[in-house]
Structures are given as structure tokens and as C-alpha cells.
Amino acid sequence: WEYLGKMGFISTASWPNFDTKWINDTIERQWSCLDTLKEDIDNIQHLIQLPKIAEIQIIVAAEWKNGFTNSLLQWVKEGQDFGDLMKNAMTNTAWKPYGKQIKGYIEKIAKNPGKYQVPFADQELEWEFFVQNTSLLENAFNTKINILKELETENKKRDQALPGKPSIVIQ
């Protein structure tokens, strides 16, 4: 309180004003994404029981996955079955080269669509969000964090990245 240049007791100060532009579902989903990422790292760290982590790589999903996931979630909401989901996905020429991956994503997401969301408008915004919050992750895990885009790495784990649910590589 004193470092902020305030006088008196904080307990008697008036409640601070807030800016409503920072209160919205999108921002809440984005920060929830960071919390989930931290939980996932904790779970992996506990599972592998690595005494010293040299680096954690966070791999943000490729841009095509944003549009695909949004469409898939809408189709699932409409009650489409697996065959229709796959057929609809394969009609998009930009997604066609990823058919094998798409099949796996449909199986994964259609089972539990409430678990998946697209909290960022595009890959660049997601990548920037994690880059801007790298220090929070580094402090939480006391190690170097490297934020990568899926198309900028050859790591096989990159294919597992989904919008709002990046891949995690612990070394």
C-alpha cells in the first residue's frame, strides 16, 4: 500500500474503481486457459517426477485449428454424427491435408465438447497472450519457458495443440 504511495490503512480506504472493459467472457476464458495450462504442467510434472526441469515448451496450435474447432463445436451442437462431422470437415479444402489429425480431433472433441473452446480470435493473439505471461509461468515453475507456434517447431507433440489448449513439452 505504501509502495503505491497511499497513506493510512488499506482497510479504511475506499474500494477502487474498476474498468468494465476488462470484465468480459473472452478475457475470463483467456485467463482460464492460462490456469488450465498451469494445472496441466503440474500434472505432467507430477507424473514424470523429473527432479529438475531444464525448460518447458508451450506449443500454440496452428491457425487452421481455430476455424476448424469453432465449426466442429457448432456442428456437434447441431447434433451431427461422426460421419457428418468428418464429411463437413473434409469439404473445406484448407483442412483436407490434415484429415488424419482431424479424425482424431473429432473423436476427442465430440466426446466432450464442453471441455473445448476457442478463447482467442486467432493464433497470433493466443501466442502473444502466452508470451506476455511467460514470466508468470517461469515464476510458477522456476524454469525457462519457451512459447512456440505449431508451424515453427518440428517437435512431434505440436500436433496435439488445440486452440486454447497448447501442447506441453517438458525437458
Protein backbone atom coordinates (compact mmCIF):
# COMPACT_ATOMS: atom_id res chain seq x y z
CA TRP A 1 0.00 0.00 0.00
CA GLU A 2 2.83 2.35 0.92
CA TYR A 3 4.79 1.40 -2.26
CA LEU A 4 1.80 2.64 -4.25
CA GLY A 5 2.15 6.00 -2.46
CA LYS A 6 -1.01 5.56 -0.42
CA MET A 7 -1.49 6.91 3.08
CA GLY A 8 -3.34 5.46 6.04
CA PHE A 9 -4.65 1.95 6.43
CA ILE A 10 -5.73 -0.07 3.40
CA SER A 11 -8.61 -1.46 5.45
CA THR A 12 -10.16 2.02 5.71
CA ALA A 13 -9.56 3.03 2.09
CA SER A 14 -12.45 3.25 -0.34
CA TRP A 15 -12.98 0.37 -2.72
CA PRO A 16 -11.11 1.00 -6.00
CA ASN A 17 -12.98 1.82 -9.19
CA PHE A 18 -12.87 -0.75 -11.96
CA ASP A 19 -12.93 -0.53 -15.71
CA THR A 20 -15.79 -2.58 -17.17
CA LYS A 21 -13.90 -3.07 -20.45
CA TRP A 22 -11.75 -5.62 -18.61
CA ILE A 23 -14.74 -7.61 -17.43
CA ASN A 24 -15.95 -9.89 -20.21
CA ASP A 25 -16.26 -13.57 -21.04
CA THR A 26 -13.43 -13.57 -23.58
CA ILE A 27 -10.85 -12.23 -21.14
CA GLU A 28 -12.10 -14.62 -18.47
CA ARG A 29 -11.75 -17.59 -20.88
CA GLN A 30 -8.24 -16.48 -21.81
CA TRP A 31 -7.08 -16.34 -18.20
CA SER A 32 -8.83 -19.64 -17.55
CA CYS A 33 -6.71 -21.01 -20.39
CA LEU A 34 -3.56 -19.96 -18.53
CA ASP A 35 -4.82 -21.55 -15.30
CA THR A 36 -5.58 -24.81 -17.14
CA LEU A 37 -2.14 -24.74 -18.73
CA LYS A 38 -0.52 -24.38 -15.30
CA GLU A 39 -2.60 -27.28 -13.96
CA ASP A 40 -1.63 -29.42 -16.96
CA ILE A 41 2.07 -28.65 -16.41
CA ASP A 42 1.71 -29.51 -12.72
CA ASN A 43 0.05 -32.82 -13.62
CA ILE A 44 2.74 -33.72 -16.16
CA GLN A 45 5.50 -32.75 -13.74
CA HIS A 46 3.94 -34.92 -11.03
CA LEU A 47 3.50 -37.80 -13.45
CA ILE A 48 7.05 -37.85 -14.85
CA GLN A 49 8.70 -36.99 -11.50
CA LEU A 50 11.57 -35.17 -13.16
CA PRO A 51 13.74 -33.70 -10.37
CA LYS A 52 14.98 -30.70 -12.37
CA ILE A 53 13.19 -29.23 -15.35
CA ALA A 54 15.53 -27.50 -17.80
CA GLU A 55 12.83 -25.97 -19.98
CA ILE A 56 9.12 -26.09 -20.73
CA GLN A 57 7.96 -25.56 -24.29
CA ILE A 58 4.41 -24.35 -24.86
CA ILE A 59 3.28 -25.01 -28.44
CA VAL A 60 0.35 -22.90 -29.64
CA ALA A 61 -1.99 -24.50 -32.21
CA ALA A 62 -1.80 -23.64 -35.90
CA GLU A 63 -4.25 -21.06 -37.24
CA TRP A 64 -6.38 -23.54 -39.24
CA LYS A 65 -7.37 -25.25 -35.99
CA ASN A 66 -9.24 -22.15 -34.76
CA GLY A 67 -11.70 -22.20 -37.65
CA PHE A 68 -11.93 -25.98 -37.58
CA THR A 69 -12.63 -26.15 -33.83
CA ASN A 70 -15.24 -23.37 -33.99
CA SER A 71 -17.00 -25.16 -36.85
CA LEU A 72 -16.74 -28.55 -35.17
CA LEU A 73 -18.22 -27.27 -31.91
CA GLN A 74 -21.13 -25.74 -33.85
CA TRP A 75 -21.76 -28.97 -35.78
CA VAL A 76 -21.66 -31.00 -32.56
CA LYS A 77 -24.14 -28.57 -31.01
CA GLU A 78 -26.43 -29.18 -34.00
CA GLY A 79 -26.29 -32.90 -33.22
CA GLN A 80 -24.31 -34.11 -36.22
CA ASP A 81 -22.87 -37.63 -36.01
CA PHE A 82 -19.23 -38.60 -36.63
CA GLY A 83 -19.76 -39.33 -40.33
CA ASP A 84 -21.35 -35.93 -40.97
CA LEU A 85 -18.68 -34.17 -38.90
CA MET A 86 -15.92 -35.80 -40.93
CA LYS A 87 -17.70 -35.14 -44.23
CA ASN A 88 -18.22 -31.46 -43.38
CA ALA A 89 -14.61 -31.05 -42.32
CA MET A 90 -13.28 -32.66 -45.50
CA THR A 91 -15.29 -30.32 -47.73
CA ASN A 92 -13.03 -27.49 -46.55
CA THR A 93 -10.02 -27.57 -48.89
CA ALA A 94 -7.79 -25.82 -46.33
CA TRP A 95 -8.42 -28.60 -43.79
CA LYS A 96 -8.25 -31.54 -46.19
CA PRO A 97 -4.45 -32.04 -45.84
CA TYR A 98 -4.99 -32.54 -42.09
CA GLY A 99 -7.56 -35.33 -42.49
CA LYS A 100 -5.78 -37.79 -40.19
CA GLN A 101 -5.42 -35.19 -37.45
CA ILE A 102 -8.99 -34.01 -37.95
CA LYS A 103 -10.32 -37.53 -37.43
CA GLY A 104 -8.58 -37.64 -34.04
CA TYR A 105 -9.77 -34.16 -33.09
CA ILE A 106 -13.36 -35.04 -33.97
CA GLU A 107 -13.18 -38.17 -31.82
CA LYS A 108 -11.67 -36.20 -28.93
CA ILE A 109 -13.80 -33.04 -29.08
CA ALA A 110 -17.15 -34.65 -29.93
CA LYS A 111 -16.94 -36.84 -26.80
CA ASN A 112 -16.71 -33.82 -24.51
CA PRO A 113 -17.41 -30.58 -26.40
CA GLY A 114 -17.85 -28.56 -23.18
CA LYS A 115 -14.16 -29.08 -22.42
CA TYR A 116 -13.08 -27.27 -25.59
CA GLN A 117 -13.38 -23.66 -26.62
CA VAL A 118 -11.65 -21.11 -28.81
CA PRO A 119 -10.81 -18.27 -26.41
CA PHE A 120 -8.61 -16.35 -28.86
CA ALA A 121 -9.68 -14.87 -32.20
CA ASP A 122 -6.56 -16.22 -33.88
CA GLN A 123 -3.26 -17.98 -33.28
CA GLU A 124 -1.29 -14.74 -33.13
CA LEU A 125 -3.40 -13.40 -30.24
CA GLU A 126 -3.04 -16.69 -28.35
CA TRP A 127 0.71 -16.74 -28.91
CA GLU A 128 1.03 -13.08 -27.79
CA PHE A 129 -1.04 -13.77 -24.67
CA PHE A 130 1.26 -16.60 -23.59
CA VAL A 131 4.40 -14.63 -24.50
CA GLN A 132 3.17 -11.67 -22.41
CA ASN A 133 2.58 -14.02 -19.48
CA THR A 134 5.77 -16.06 -19.78
CA SER A 135 7.16 -14.56 -16.58
CA LEU A 136 4.11 -15.81 -14.63
CA LEU A 137 4.79 -19.33 -15.88
CA GLU A 138 8.55 -19.06 -15.28
CA ASN A 139 7.93 -17.93 -11.70
CA ALA A 140 5.36 -20.68 -11.11
CA PHE A 141 7.68 -23.46 -12.35
CA ASN A 142 11.09 -21.91 -11.65
CA THR A 143 12.34 -22.74 -15.14
CA LYS A 144 12.70 -21.29 -18.63
CA ILE A 145 9.50 -21.20 -20.67
CA ASN A 146 9.63 -21.12 -24.46
CA ILE A 147 6.42 -20.22 -26.33
CA LEU A 148 6.34 -21.60 -29.88
CA LYS A 149 3.90 -21.65 -32.76
CA GLU A 150 3.00 -25.08 -34.09
CA LEU A 151 4.38 -24.39 -37.54
CA GLU A 152 7.71 -23.15 -36.12
CA THR A 153 8.73 -26.39 -34.44
CA GLU A 154 9.44 -29.92 -35.57
CA ASN A 155 8.51 -31.43 -32.19
CA LYS A 156 6.03 -34.27 -32.68
CA LYS A 157 3.91 -33.01 -29.76
CA ARG A 158 2.92 -29.99 -31.86
CA ASP A 159 0.06 -31.91 -33.48
CA GLN A 160 -1.63 -32.25 -30.08
CA ALA A 161 -2.06 -28.48 -29.72
CA LEU A 162 -5.61 -27.18 -29.94
CA PRO A 163 -6.91 -23.61 -29.65
CA GLY A 164 -6.74 -22.61 -26.00
CA LYS A 165 -5.05 -25.92 -25.15
CA PRO A 166 -1.39 -25.74 -26.25
CA SER A 167 0.92 -28.74 -26.30
CA ILE A 168 3.40 -29.01 -23.46
CA VAL A 169 6.92 -30.36 -23.75
CA ILE A 170 8.93 -30.70 -20.55
CA GLN A 171 12.69 -31.23 -20.81
